[in-house]
Every structure is written in structure tokens, then in C-alpha cells.
Amino acid sequence: MLRKTFSQEPSLQSHHRIHSYKTLYDCDVCGKTFLYLSHLYQHYRVHGNEKQYTCEVCNKTFSQKSHLNEHYRVHTKEKPYVCEVCNKSFSVKANLNRHYLAHTKEKPYVCEVCNKSFSQKPNLNRHYLVHTKEKPYVWKVCNKSFSKKFNLDQHSLVHTKKPYACEVCNKSFSQKSTLNQHYLVHTKEKPYVCEVCNKTFSIKPNLKRHYLAHTKEKPYVCEVCNKSFSQKPHLNRHYLAHTKERPFVCEVCNKSFSQKAHLNIHYLVHTKEKPHVCEICNKSFSLKYNFNQHFRVHTEEVPRL
């Protein structure tokens, strides 16, 4: 008989409730099960879209007061939950609990099909899609379906208008925040500085990704083959190798691609653009790779095969 083990007493006590409680409360809408009736009532707000608690700072709304209280820490920058092992702090207790698994190496969530284990339940749920081949995220405009919400969001940009235009170069964006980040390309501002090597960055996420070059961390792990990545976008692109999904679709000929960069290159077939121009002989190329190969004719470098 297999015995499930836990590193913390509260986790064990919470698990015991699964066995000791005779009554479990099921959601009539999605079938999710709860130990407490009060938790079920809170959950029903997810389906009813009832969000009665409003942030006084940014007007964002929440269905539960506890979620609003957690959200306020975004503005106050408070991180009251501290890891006893490495002193890293978190604004939300759930994030601390997930972080502890990095130290304990626990993986309490086990796939019933292949026995692969996971540290977090959402990761197990996503993993099940490998077995079921389900693609629950459907774009209503074209009925194309995807196994991950990220892929659906990427695909939706094909259909979505981009109402926010840059006043300098007229490039348009679907979100105002992305436009604001883009403006830094023109202003050349780089306010975020690496404390290790003093390299500067225009946006904070780029600084965070850069730090991984120093720490060598690869926190994003593929649930299918266990390959790890330093950045979540790299993991998301990697998943497409397993799912065979191609969320990026050419608006001209409907050919689809797994990566947006590949779609952008493909568009050159239709536009006949050749943006890479040789300064010596003025010959132009649609791909930078072909331009680099050509340039070696002038420099007399031997092309690498």
C-alpha cells in the first residue's frame, strides 16, 4: 500500500480531510468539488461573474474580499510571507507554499495514466491533455481549438484589431501597455539596471530574464519531456513540438506556423520585401541569413556549412 507523505503538518492535516469528510460539495456548473460549503459558494461567483469588491487605487474588481486584499499588495509592494529556507518573500501565501516545493522536491500530484508526478495540480491538469488530446480552448471566430490558453491568446491576435498606434513610426498594438513599452525604443531609455554587470534594460521583464544568465536557473520545465528553460515563452514555444499546434496563421494564404517569427518571415513571400541590403553591391535579401552568407563573398570568409 502506497503512503502519501508531506513535509509540513498543515499539509498533512488538510489531506486528512479528504478521507475523513463524508460530505463533499460539488459545483453544479463545472463539477469541481469542495470540502466546505462556504468555499463552494465563493466558487459560484466565478461562474456568475459577480465582482463586488473594487480596488480603490486602480478600480480592478474581484469576486472575493480576500483576493482584493491580496491585490492591494501589488500597490503597496508588501511581501509578508517569507520562506524559512532561503528568506525569499511573497505577497500571496499560495505562492510561498508553491515555492516550498522547490526545496522539498515534493510532487504530490500523480497522473493516473502514466504515474508521472507534479508539484502543482494545474501542471497535472495540463499534462492530462497529452493523454486525452483535448483542445478545450476554442476561438469562436474561426473555431480553431488549442490545448493551452496561451496558444489561443496568441492566435486571437490574428483576428484582433490593434487600436493603439505609435505616433513616431505608426506601428500599432493591441494593448496600450505594449505601446508604452514600444515608445522606449524611440526614447532609448533603459531605466532598469542589472546589479551584477550594470547592463541596462528598457523594461523590467527583460531585466528579470537577464538575471537568469547569472544564476543559470531554468525554472520552467516541460511536463512532457522534462526539458527545462530559463524563460516561460521558450517553454511555451517548446510545447508546440509536442502538441503540433500552429497558432500563427497567414492572413493571405492561411498557411499556419508554430512560431510568430516564422510567420513574419513567410509574409515576405507575399510582400516581396527584401529589407537586408548589402552596402557594397546593393544586392538585397529577404532573409538576414541569406544576407550574411552573401556578405562573406566580399569579406572572403568561408561560409559555414
Protein backbone atom coordinates (compact mmCIF):
# COMPACT_ATOMS: atom_id res chain seq x y z
CA MET A 1 0.00 0.00 0.00
CA LEU A 2 1.40 3.42 -1.00
CA ARG A 3 1.66 6.07 1.74
CA LYS A 4 1.46 9.71 0.77
CA THR A 5 3.97 11.86 2.66
CA PHE A 6 4.11 15.57 3.44
CA SER A 7 6.87 17.86 4.67
CA GLN A 8 4.56 20.15 6.65
CA GLU A 9 1.95 19.29 9.31
CA PRO A 10 -0.73 21.66 7.88
CA SER A 11 -0.47 19.94 4.51
CA LEU A 12 -1.00 16.54 6.16
CA GLN A 13 -4.00 17.79 8.15
CA SER A 14 -5.55 19.27 5.03
CA HIS A 15 -5.04 15.99 3.17
CA HIS A 16 -6.70 14.00 6.02
CA ARG A 17 -9.91 15.90 5.40
CA ILE A 18 -10.24 14.21 2.02
CA HIS A 19 -10.58 10.85 3.79
CA SER A 20 -12.47 11.95 6.90
CA TYR A 21 -15.18 14.09 5.31
CA LYS A 22 -18.20 12.07 4.25
CA THR A 23 -19.88 15.06 2.59
CA LEU A 24 -18.23 16.80 -0.35
CA TYR A 25 -19.85 19.76 -2.12
CA ASP A 26 -19.94 19.64 -5.92
CA CYS A 27 -20.35 22.63 -8.23
CA ASP A 28 -23.41 22.11 -10.46
CA VAL A 29 -21.77 24.06 -13.28
CA CYS A 30 -18.27 22.57 -13.65
CA GLY A 31 -18.23 19.60 -11.26
CA LYS A 32 -15.40 20.94 -9.08
CA THR A 33 -15.51 19.51 -5.53
CA PHE A 34 -15.09 21.37 -2.24
CA LEU A 35 -14.70 20.28 1.39
CA TYR A 36 -16.58 23.29 2.76
CA LEU A 37 -19.93 24.69 1.69
CA SER A 38 -18.63 28.26 2.13
CA HIS A 39 -15.88 27.53 -0.41
CA LEU A 40 -18.48 26.26 -2.89
CA TYR A 41 -20.48 29.50 -2.50
CA GLN A 42 -17.35 31.54 -3.12
CA HIS A 43 -16.59 29.42 -6.19
CA TYR A 44 -20.05 30.05 -7.70
CA ARG A 45 -19.04 33.70 -8.18
CA VAL A 46 -16.58 32.55 -10.84
CA HIS A 47 -19.48 31.38 -12.99
CA GLY A 48 -21.76 34.30 -12.16
CA ASN A 49 -19.06 36.89 -12.95
CA GLU A 50 -20.07 38.67 -9.73
CA LYS A 51 -17.24 41.01 -8.73
CA GLN A 52 -18.44 43.22 -5.91
CA TYR A 53 -15.08 44.23 -4.39
CA THR A 54 -13.28 47.13 -6.13
CA CYS A 55 -9.69 48.31 -5.72
CA GLU A 56 -9.64 51.99 -4.70
CA VAL A 57 -6.32 52.52 -6.46
CA CYS A 58 -6.89 51.09 -9.96
CA ASN A 59 -10.63 50.13 -9.94
CA LYS A 60 -9.93 46.47 -10.69
CA THR A 61 -12.78 44.29 -9.36
CA PHE A 62 -12.76 40.94 -7.53
CA SER A 63 -15.34 38.35 -6.55
CA GLN A 64 -13.81 37.76 -3.11
CA LYS A 65 -12.59 40.23 -0.49
CA SER A 66 -9.52 38.09 0.22
CA HIS A 67 -8.50 38.44 -3.45
CA LEU A 68 -8.87 42.21 -3.20
CA ASN A 69 -6.69 42.27 -0.07
CA GLU A 70 -4.01 40.24 -1.89
CA HIS A 71 -4.26 42.56 -4.90
CA TYR A 72 -3.59 45.67 -2.75
CA ARG A 73 -0.07 44.32 -2.18
CA VAL A 74 0.63 44.98 -5.85
CA HIS A 75 0.36 48.67 -4.99
CA THR A 76 1.94 48.57 -1.51
CA LYS A 77 4.75 46.22 -2.60
CA GLU A 78 4.25 44.25 0.64
CA LYS A 79 5.55 40.68 0.76
CA PRO A 80 4.66 39.38 4.23
CA TYR A 81 5.16 35.67 3.53
CA VAL A 82 8.82 34.68 3.92
CA CYS A 83 10.44 31.35 3.07
CA GLU A 84 12.17 29.91 6.16
CA VAL A 85 14.78 28.20 4.00
CA CYS A 86 16.07 30.98 1.70
CA ASN A 87 14.29 34.13 3.02
CA LYS A 88 12.62 34.83 -0.32
CA SER A 89 9.38 36.74 0.29
CA PHE A 90 5.98 36.60 -1.39
CA SER A 91 2.87 38.76 -1.43
CA VAL A 92 0.50 35.76 -1.53
CA LYS A 93 0.67 32.75 0.80
CA ALA A 94 -0.22 30.33 -2.01
CA ASN A 95 2.92 31.43 -3.88
CA LEU A 96 5.02 30.72 -0.79
CA ASN A 97 3.51 27.24 -0.49
CA ARG A 98 4.33 26.52 -4.14
CA HIS A 99 7.84 27.87 -3.60
CA TYR A 100 8.45 25.45 -0.71
CA LEU A 101 8.12 22.57 -3.17
CA ALA A 102 11.32 23.79 -4.84
CA HIS A 103 13.13 22.97 -1.58
CA THR A 104 11.28 19.80 -0.63
CA LYS A 105 11.18 18.40 -4.19
CA GLU A 106 7.70 17.07 -3.40
CA LYS A 107 5.48 16.16 -6.32
CA PRO A 108 2.21 15.09 -4.70
CA TYR A 109 0.04 15.19 -7.84
CA VAL A 110 0.33 11.94 -9.81
CA CYS A 111 -1.02 11.17 -13.28
CA GLU A 112 -3.32 8.13 -13.15
CA VAL A 113 -2.37 7.16 -16.71
CA CYS A 114 1.45 7.18 -16.70
CA ASN A 115 2.29 7.82 -12.98
CA LYS A 116 4.26 10.95 -13.78
CA SER A 117 4.19 13.30 -10.77
CA PHE A 118 3.91 17.07 -10.49
CA SER A 119 4.44 19.66 -7.78
CA GLN A 120 1.32 21.63 -8.72
CA LYS A 121 -2.21 20.49 -9.61
CA PRO A 122 -2.59 22.87 -12.60
CA ASN A 123 0.51 21.27 -14.12
CA LEU A 124 -1.06 17.84 -13.70
CA ASN A 125 -4.29 19.05 -15.31
CA ARG A 126 -2.37 20.41 -18.31
CA HIS A 127 -0.42 17.16 -18.54
CA TYR A 128 -3.64 15.13 -18.84
CA LEU A 129 -4.24 16.87 -22.19
CA VAL A 130 -1.26 14.91 -23.54
CA HIS A 131 -3.26 11.71 -22.97
CA THR A 132 -6.75 12.94 -23.82
CA LYS A 133 -5.69 15.02 -26.85
CA GLU A 134 -8.30 17.54 -25.75
CA LYS A 135 -8.13 21.10 -27.02
CA PRO A 136 -10.58 22.90 -24.74
CA TYR A 137 -9.69 26.48 -25.76
CA VAL A 138 -11.67 27.44 -28.87
CA TRP A 139 -11.51 30.73 -30.79
CA LYS A 140 -15.15 31.49 -31.69
CA VAL A 141 -14.32 33.45 -34.84
CA CYS A 142 -12.76 30.55 -36.75
CA ASN A 143 -13.49 27.60 -34.38
CA LYS A 144 -9.80 26.70 -34.21
CA SER A 145 -9.03 24.88 -30.94
CA PHE A 146 -5.94 24.71 -28.73
CA SER A 147 -4.77 22.67 -25.77
CA LYS A 148 -3.33 25.71 -23.94
CA LYS A 149 -4.84 29.15 -23.30
CA PHE A 150 -1.52 30.78 -24.19
CA ASN A 151 -1.75 29.37 -27.73
CA LEU A 152 -5.35 30.59 -28.02
CA ASP A 153 -4.31 34.09 -26.91
CA GLN A 154 -1.52 34.14 -29.49
CA HIS A 155 -3.88 33.01 -32.24
CA SER A 156 -6.52 35.59 -31.29
CA LEU A 157 -4.10 38.37 -32.26
CA VAL A 158 -4.54 37.28 -35.88
CA HIS A 159 -8.19 38.36 -35.67
CA THR A 160 -7.87 41.22 -33.20
CA LYS A 161 -7.58 44.83 -34.28
CA LYS A 162 -4.67 46.91 -33.00
CA PRO A 163 -6.16 50.25 -31.96
CA TYR A 164 -3.06 51.73 -30.27
CA ALA A 165 -0.69 53.32 -32.80
CA CYS A 166 2.79 54.75 -32.18
CA GLU A 167 2.90 58.48 -33.02
CA VAL A 168 6.53 58.17 -34.13
CA CYS A 169 6.51 55.20 -36.53
CA ASN A 170 2.77 54.31 -36.81
CA LYS A 171 3.34 50.74 -35.61
CA SER A 172 0.12 49.55 -33.98
CA PHE A 173 -0.51 47.40 -30.90
CA SER A 174 -3.46 45.57 -29.41
CA GLN A 175 -2.68 46.76 -25.86
CA LYS A 176 -1.82 50.23 -24.57
CA SER A 177 0.80 48.84 -22.17
CA THR A 178 2.65 47.28 -25.12
CA LEU A 179 2.58 50.63 -26.93
CA ASN A 180 4.07 52.34 -23.87
CA GLN A 181 6.88 49.79 -23.79
CA HIS A 182 7.45 50.32 -27.51
CA TYR A 183 7.98 54.06 -27.04
CA LEU A 184 11.19 53.24 -25.16
CA VAL A 185 12.63 52.07 -28.49
CA HIS A 186 12.43 55.66 -29.69
CA THR A 187 13.43 57.39 -26.45
CA LYS A 188 16.33 54.96 -25.87
CA GLU A 189 15.50 54.94 -22.15
CA LYS A 190 16.77 51.95 -20.19
CA PRO A 191 15.84 52.61 -16.55
CA TYR A 192 16.31 49.03 -15.27
CA VAL A 193 19.91 48.17 -14.30
CA CYS A 194 21.40 44.74 -13.55
CA GLU A 195 23.09 44.79 -10.12
CA VAL A 196 25.62 42.18 -11.23
CA CYS A 197 27.01 43.58 -14.51
CA ASN A 198 25.33 47.02 -14.79
CA LYS A 199 23.67 46.15 -18.11
CA THR A 200 20.55 48.28 -18.62
CA PHE A 201 17.11 47.40 -19.97
CA SER A 202 14.08 49.34 -21.14
CA ILE A 203 11.50 47.10 -19.42
CA LYS A 204 11.60 45.21 -16.12
CA PRO A 205 10.71 41.72 -17.51
CA ASN A 206 13.83 41.86 -19.70
CA LEU A 207 15.95 42.59 -16.62
CA LYS A 208 14.40 39.63 -14.79
CA ARG A 209 15.12 37.33 -17.72
CA HIS A 210 18.68 38.67 -17.88
CA TYR A 211 19.32 37.77 -14.23
CA LEU A 212 18.85 34.11 -15.18
CA ALA A 213 22.04 34.38 -17.26
CA HIS A 214 23.89 34.98 -13.98
CA THR A 215 22.02 32.48 -11.83
CA LYS A 216 21.85 29.78 -14.55
CA GLU A 217 18.35 28.97 -13.29
CA LYS A 218 15.92 27.19 -15.60
CA PRO A 219 12.69 27.22 -13.59
CA TYR A 220 10.31 26.39 -16.44
CA VAL A 221 10.12 22.63 -17.01
CA CYS A 222 8.30 20.80 -19.81
CA GLU A 223 5.73 18.44 -18.32
CA VAL A 224 6.11 16.02 -21.24
CA CYS A 225 9.89 15.51 -21.56
CA ASN A 226 11.31 17.38 -18.51
CA LYS A 227 13.44 19.72 -20.62
CA SER A 228 13.95 22.99 -18.71
CA PHE A 229 14.07 26.61 -19.85
CA SER A 230 15.09 29.92 -18.33
CA GLN A 231 12.12 31.78 -19.84
CA LYS A 232 8.43 30.88 -19.97
CA PRO A 233 7.98 31.99 -23.62
CA HIS A 234 10.70 29.49 -24.61
CA LEU A 235 8.82 26.74 -22.77
CA ASN A 236 5.56 27.72 -24.47
CA ARG A 237 7.22 27.54 -27.89
CA HIS A 238 8.73 24.18 -26.97
CA TYR A 239 5.30 22.74 -26.08
CA LEU A 240 4.27 23.18 -29.71
CA ALA A 241 6.75 20.45 -30.63
CA HIS A 242 4.62 18.05 -28.59
CA THR A 243 1.14 19.36 -29.43
CA LYS A 244 1.90 20.01 -33.13
CA GLU A 245 -0.23 23.16 -32.87
CA ARG A 246 0.37 26.07 -35.24
CA PRO A 247 -1.45 29.08 -33.78
CA PHE A 248 0.05 31.72 -36.10
CA VAL A 249 -1.89 31.92 -39.38
CA CYS A 250 -1.04 33.88 -42.52
CA GLU A 251 -3.89 36.27 -43.37
CA VAL A 252 -3.12 35.99 -47.09
CA CYS A 253 -2.92 32.23 -47.74
CA ASN A 254 -3.95 30.70 -44.38
CA LYS A 255 -0.68 28.80 -44.01
CA SER A 256 -0.02 28.23 -40.29
CA PHE A 257 3.18 28.29 -38.24
CA SER A 258 4.22 27.25 -34.74
CA GLN A 259 6.21 30.46 -34.13
CA LYS A 260 5.37 34.09 -34.86
CA ALA A 261 8.91 34.72 -36.18
CA HIS A 262 8.36 32.06 -38.85
CA LEU A 263 5.08 33.71 -39.86
CA ASN A 264 6.80 37.09 -40.18
CA ILE A 265 9.46 35.58 -42.44
CA HIS A 266 6.73 33.91 -44.51
CA TYR A 267 4.95 37.23 -45.11
CA LEU A 268 7.98 38.33 -47.15
CA VAL A 269 6.89 35.78 -49.77
CA HIS A 270 3.74 37.84 -50.32
CA THR A 271 5.16 41.35 -49.87
CA LYS A 272 8.31 40.67 -51.95
CA GLU A 273 10.21 42.81 -49.45
CA LYS A 274 13.96 42.44 -49.21
CA PRO A 275 14.92 44.55 -46.21
CA HIS A 276 18.52 43.35 -45.88
CA VAL A 277 20.71 45.33 -48.32
CA CYS A 278 24.42 44.83 -48.97
CA GLU A 279 26.24 48.15 -48.54
CA ILE A 280 28.95 47.10 -51.01
CA CYS A 281 26.98 45.94 -54.06
CA ASN A 282 23.38 46.96 -53.13
CA LYS A 283 22.08 43.43 -53.60
CA SER A 284 19.07 42.86 -51.33
CA PHE A 285 17.75 39.82 -49.47
CA SER A 286 14.54 38.92 -47.73
CA LEU A 287 16.28 36.86 -45.02
CA LYS A 288 19.14 38.01 -42.81
CA TYR A 289 20.72 34.55 -43.01
CA ASN A 290 20.99 34.81 -46.80
CA PHE A 291 22.40 38.32 -46.46
CA ASN A 292 25.11 37.09 -44.05
CA GLN A 293 26.03 34.27 -46.41
CA HIS A 294 26.31 36.75 -49.29
CA PHE A 295 28.42 39.25 -47.33
CA ARG A 296 31.17 36.66 -46.98
CA VAL A 297 31.71 36.92 -50.74
CA HIS A 298 33.09 40.41 -50.11
CA THR A 299 34.93 39.64 -46.87
CA GLU A 300 36.37 36.41 -48.32
CA GLU A 301 35.23 34.44 -45.32
CA VAL A 302 34.47 30.78 -45.93
CA PRO A 303 30.74 30.16 -45.34
CA ARG A 304 29.96 27.66 -42.63
CA LEU A 305 28.01 24.68 -43.91
